[in-house]
C-alpha atoms as a PDB file:
ATOM      1  CA  MET A   1     -34.216 -17.565-134.232  1.00  0.00           C
ATOM      2  CA  SER A   2     -31.248 -17.914-131.908  1.00  0.00           C
ATOM      3  CA  LYS A   3     -28.750 -20.721-132.254  1.00  0.00           C
ATOM      4  CA  GLN A   4     -28.809 -23.687-129.920  1.00  0.00           C
ATOM      5  CA  ARG A   5     -26.370 -23.619-127.011  1.00  0.00           C
ATOM      6  CA  VAL A   6     -24.870 -26.611-125.220  1.00  0.00           C
ATOM      7  CA  ILE A   7     -22.749 -26.936-122.094  1.00  0.00           C
ATOM      8  CA  ALA A   8     -19.749 -29.272-121.828  1.00  0.00           C
ATOM      9  CA  LEU A   9     -20.207 -32.098-119.331  1.00  0.00           C
ATOM     10  CA  PHE A  10     -16.590 -33.210-119.712  1.00  0.00           C
ATOM     11  CA  PRO A  11     -13.365 -31.725-121.109  1.00  0.00           C
ATOM     12  CA  CYS A  12     -12.530 -32.690-124.691  1.00  0.00           C
ATOM     13  CA  THR A  13      -9.196 -32.532-126.495  1.00  0.00           C
ATOM     14  CA  ALA A  14      -9.250 -32.444-130.292  1.00  0.00           C
ATOM     15  CA  ASP A  15      -7.599 -35.361-132.103  1.00  0.00           C
ATOM     16  CA  GLU A  16      -7.880 -33.794-135.563  1.00  0.00           C
ATOM     17  CA  PRO A  17      -7.358 -30.206-136.828  1.00  0.00           C
ATOM     18  CA  ASP A  18     -11.075 -29.742-137.564  1.00  0.00           C
ATOM     19  CA  GLU A  19     -12.192 -30.815-134.064  1.00  0.00           C
ATOM     20  CA  LEU A  20     -13.016 -28.507-131.153  1.00  0.00           C
ATOM     21  CA  SER A  21     -11.235 -28.651-127.788  1.00  0.00           C
ATOM     22  CA  PHE A  22     -13.132 -27.408-124.740  1.00  0.00           C
ATOM     23  CA  ALA A  23     -13.185 -27.544-120.943  1.00  0.00           C
ATOM     24  CA  LYS A  24     -15.890 -28.835-118.633  1.00  0.00           C
ATOM     25  CA  ASP A  25     -18.684 -26.239-118.275  1.00  0.00           C
ATOM     26  CA  ASP A  26     -17.705 -24.391-121.483  1.00  0.00           C
ATOM     27  CA  VAL A  27     -20.692 -23.124-123.465  1.00  0.00           C
ATOM     28  CA  ILE A  28     -20.709 -23.999-127.163  1.00  0.00           C
ATOM     29  CA  ILE A  29     -22.926 -22.370-129.781  1.00  0.00           C
ATOM     30  CA  VAL A  30     -24.110 -25.033-132.242  1.00  0.00           C
ATOM     31  CA  GLU A  31     -23.480 -23.894-135.827  1.00  0.00           C
ATOM     32  CA  ASP A  32     -24.510 -27.101-137.642  1.00  0.00           C
ATOM     33  CA  LYS A  33     -25.210 -30.781-137.036  1.00  0.00           C
ATOM     34  CA  GLU A  34     -22.849 -32.896-139.120  1.00  0.00           C
ATOM     35  CA  SER A  35     -24.516 -36.119-137.892  1.00  0.00           C
ATOM     36  CA  ASP A  36     -26.400 -37.381-134.852  1.00  0.00           C
ATOM     37  CA  GLU A  37     -23.076 -37.933-133.053  1.00  0.00           C
ATOM     38  CA  TRP A  38     -20.905 -35.023-134.279  1.00  0.00           C
ATOM     39  CA  TRP A  39     -21.919 -31.348-134.293  1.00  0.00           C
ATOM     40  CA  ILE A  40     -20.076 -28.204-135.368  1.00  0.00           C
ATOM     41  CA  GLY A  41     -19.895 -25.356-132.903  1.00  0.00           C
ATOM     42  CA  THR A  42     -18.029 -22.366-131.513  1.00  0.00           C
ATOM     43  CA  CYS A  43     -16.747 -22.316-127.942  1.00  0.00           C
ATOM     44  CA  GLU A  44     -17.801 -19.048-126.293  1.00  0.00           C
ATOM     45  CA  ARG A  45     -14.713 -18.987-124.041  1.00  0.00           C
ATOM     46  CA  THR A  46     -12.072 -19.493-126.756  1.00  0.00           C
ATOM     47  CA  GLY A  47     -13.879 -18.375-129.923  1.00  0.00           C
ATOM     48  CA  GLN A  48     -12.642 -21.503-131.714  1.00  0.00           C
ATOM     49  CA  THR A  49     -14.942 -23.417-134.054  1.00  0.00           C
ATOM     50  CA  GLY A  50     -14.822 -27.133-134.814  1.00  0.00           C
ATOM     51  CA  VAL A  51     -16.484 -30.522-134.719  1.00  0.00           C
ATOM     52  CA  PHE A  52     -17.287 -32.025-131.310  1.00  0.00           C
ATOM     53  CA  PRO A  53     -18.866 -35.254-129.988  1.00  0.00           C
ATOM     54  CA  VAL A  54     -22.474 -34.770-128.913  1.00  0.00           C
ATOM     55  CA  ASN A  55     -22.165 -37.202-125.993  1.00  0.00           C
ATOM     56  CA  TYR A  56     -19.780 -34.754-124.265  1.00  0.00           C
ATOM     57  CA  VAL A  57     -22.387 -31.971-124.028  1.00  0.00           C
ATOM     58  CA  LYS A  58     -25.902 -31.257-122.789  1.00  0.00           C
ATOM     59  CA  VAL A  59     -28.371 -28.967-124.558  1.00  0.00           C
ATOM     60  CA  MET A  60     -29.034 -25.867-122.474  1.00  0.00           C
ATOM     61  CA  ALA A  61     -32.601 -24.862-121.704  1.00  0.00           C
ATOM     62  CA  THR A  62     -33.786 -21.781-123.555  1.00  0.00           C
ATOM     63  CA  ALA A  63     -35.408 -20.363-120.413  1.00  0.00           C
ATOM     64  CA  PRO A  64     -33.218 -18.756-117.769  1.00  0.00           C
ATOM     65  CA  PRO A  65     -31.948 -21.227-115.174  1.00  0.00           C
ATOM     66  CA  PRO A  66     -33.958 -21.540-111.957  1.00  0.00           C
ATOM     67  CA  ALA A  67     -32.766 -19.770-108.824  1.00  0.00           C
ATOM     68  CA  PRO A  68     -30.279 -21.822-106.775  1.00  0.00           C
ATOM     69  CA  ARG A  69     -31.864 -24.048-104.156  1.00  0.00           C
ATOM     70  CA  LYS A  70     -30.503 -25.142-100.830  1.00  0.00           C
ATOM     71  CA  LYS A  71     -28.637 -28.429-100.962  1.00  0.00           C
ATOM     72  CA  SER A  72     -30.521 -31.395 -99.621  1.00  0.00           C
ATOM     73  CA  SER A  73     -29.103 -34.529 -98.096  1.00  0.00           C
ATOM     74  CA  ALA A  74     -31.064 -36.709-100.541  1.00  0.00           C
ATOM     75  CA  VAL A  75     -29.178 -38.223-103.465  1.00  0.00           C
ATOM     76  CA  ARG A  76     -30.423 -37.081-106.861  1.00  0.00           C
ATOM     77  CA  GLN A  77     -31.673 -39.891-109.067  1.00  0.00           C
ATOM     78  CA  ASN A  78     -30.845 -38.212-112.408  1.00  0.00           C
ATOM     79  CA  SER A  79     -27.483 -36.717-111.565  1.00  0.00           C
ATOM     80  CA  ILE A  80     -24.822 -36.161-114.200  1.00  0.00           C
ATOM     81  CA  PRO A  81     -22.082 -38.813-114.142  1.00  0.00           C
ATOM     82  CA  THR A  82     -18.789 -37.747-112.593  1.00  0.00           C
ATOM     83  CA  THR A  83     -16.615 -39.656-115.042  1.00  0.00           C
ATOM     84  CA  PRO A  84     -16.454 -38.830-118.749  1.00  0.00           C
ATOM     85  CA  PRO A  85     -17.544 -41.286-121.412  1.00  0.00           C
ATOM     86  CA  PRO A  86     -14.797 -43.198-123.201  1.00  0.00           C
ATOM     87  CA  PRO A  87     -12.496 -41.040-125.336  1.00  0.00           C
ATOM     88  CA  MET A  88     -13.826 -40.347-128.793  1.00  0.00           C
ATOM     89  CA  GLY A  89     -10.431 -40.614-130.503  1.00  0.00           C
ATOM     90  CA  ARG A  90     -10.758 -41.919-134.037  1.00  0.00           C
ATOM     91  CA  GLN A  91      -7.325 -43.467-134.419  1.00  0.00           C
ATOM     92  CA  ASN A  92      -5.553 -44.378-131.199  1.00  0.00           C
ATOM     93  CA  SER A  93      -8.320 -45.785-129.034  1.00  0.00           C
ATOM     94  CA  ILE A  94     -11.283 -48.079-129.339  1.00  0.00           C
ATOM     95  CA  PRO A  95     -14.144 -46.628-127.274  1.00  0.00           C
ATOM     96  CA  SER A  96     -16.682 -49.064-125.887  1.00  0.00           C
ATOM     97  CA  ASN A  97     -19.576 -47.106-127.411  1.00  0.00           C
ATOM     98  CA  PRO A  98     -18.170 -44.920-130.211  1.00  0.00           C
ATOM     99  CA  PRO A  99     -20.310 -42.879-132.562  1.00  0.00           C
ATOM    100  CA  PRO A 100     -20.316 -43.982-136.189  1.00  0.00           C
ATOM    101  CA  ALA A 101     -17.539 -42.639-138.333  1.00  0.00           C
ATOM    102  CA  ARG A 102     -18.065 -39.120-139.586  1.00  0.00           C
ATOM    103  CA  PRO A 103     -19.699 -39.119-143.050  1.00  0.00           C
ATOM    104  CA  THR A 104     -17.449 -38.835-146.068  1.00  0.00           C
ATOM    105  CA  THR A 105     -18.097 -38.247-149.736  1.00  0.00           C
ATOM    106  CA  ALA A 106     -15.674 -40.943-150.912  1.00  0.00           C
ATOM    107  CA  ALA A 107     -16.884 -43.451-153.514  1.00  0.00           C
ATOM    108  CA  PRO A 108     -17.327 -47.091-152.446  1.00  0.00           C
ATOM    109  CA  PRO A 109     -14.309 -49.332-153.068  1.00  0.00           C
ATOM    110  CA  PRO A 110     -14.287 -51.294-156.347  1.00  0.00           C
ATOM    111  CA  GLY A 111     -15.781 -54.756-156.035  1.00  0.00           C
ATOM    112  CA  SER A 112     -17.691 -53.859-152.867  1.00  0.00           C
ATOM    113  CA  GLY A 113     -21.031 -54.469-154.514  1.00  0.00           C
ATOM    114  CA  ALA A 114     -22.041 -50.847-153.977  1.00  0.00           C
ATOM    115  CA  GLY A 115     -22.707 -48.430-156.753  1.00  0.00           C
ATOM    116  CA  GLY A 116     -24.963 -50.341-159.135  1.00  0.00           C
ATOM    117  CA  PRO A 117     -23.867 -51.546-162.630  1.00  0.00           C
ATOM    118  CA  GLY A 118     -20.244 -52.360-163.061  1.00  0.00           C
ATOM    119  CA  ASN A 119     -19.981 -53.367-159.462  1.00  0.00           C
ATOM    120  CA  GLY A 120     -16.960 -55.564-160.055  1.00  0.00           C
ATOM    121  CA  MET A 121     -18.793 -58.867-159.647  1.00  0.00           C
ATOM    122  CA  ALA A 122     -18.317 -61.112-162.666  1.00  0.00           C
ATOM    123  CA  ILE A 123     -20.356 -64.207-163.440  1.00  0.00           C
ATOM    124  CA  SER A 124     -18.291 -67.026-164.841  1.00  0.00           C
ATOM    125  CA  PRO A 125     -19.803 -69.452-167.406  1.00  0.00           C
ATOM    126  CA  ARG A 126     -20.211 -73.091-166.390  1.00  0.00           C
END
């Protein structure tokens, strides 16, 4: 089974060392899906591997692309937007529709109520 390939709709500059930078129209081979919003892949042009935001790419069809057609004067209803979505930076910007934070394996903070017995919540006698 071949790996899934995606094409970049917008350029992306990595904010963290484990993230992937790529240019518009770069093809990325998907290696793994960290979450619904962040995937891990290798850019065919640069050979670099890293995490990238899914909303910056489009899954490529497995069949060969259709032959080019003559341009028509009609406006396409489902055209790709010409402006990129808000930046996906995790520290310096607040996107209007950011993906959830990337999953971590850190334990919940003490007293948060998470984690079952010994959750830090004491009951005081009356």
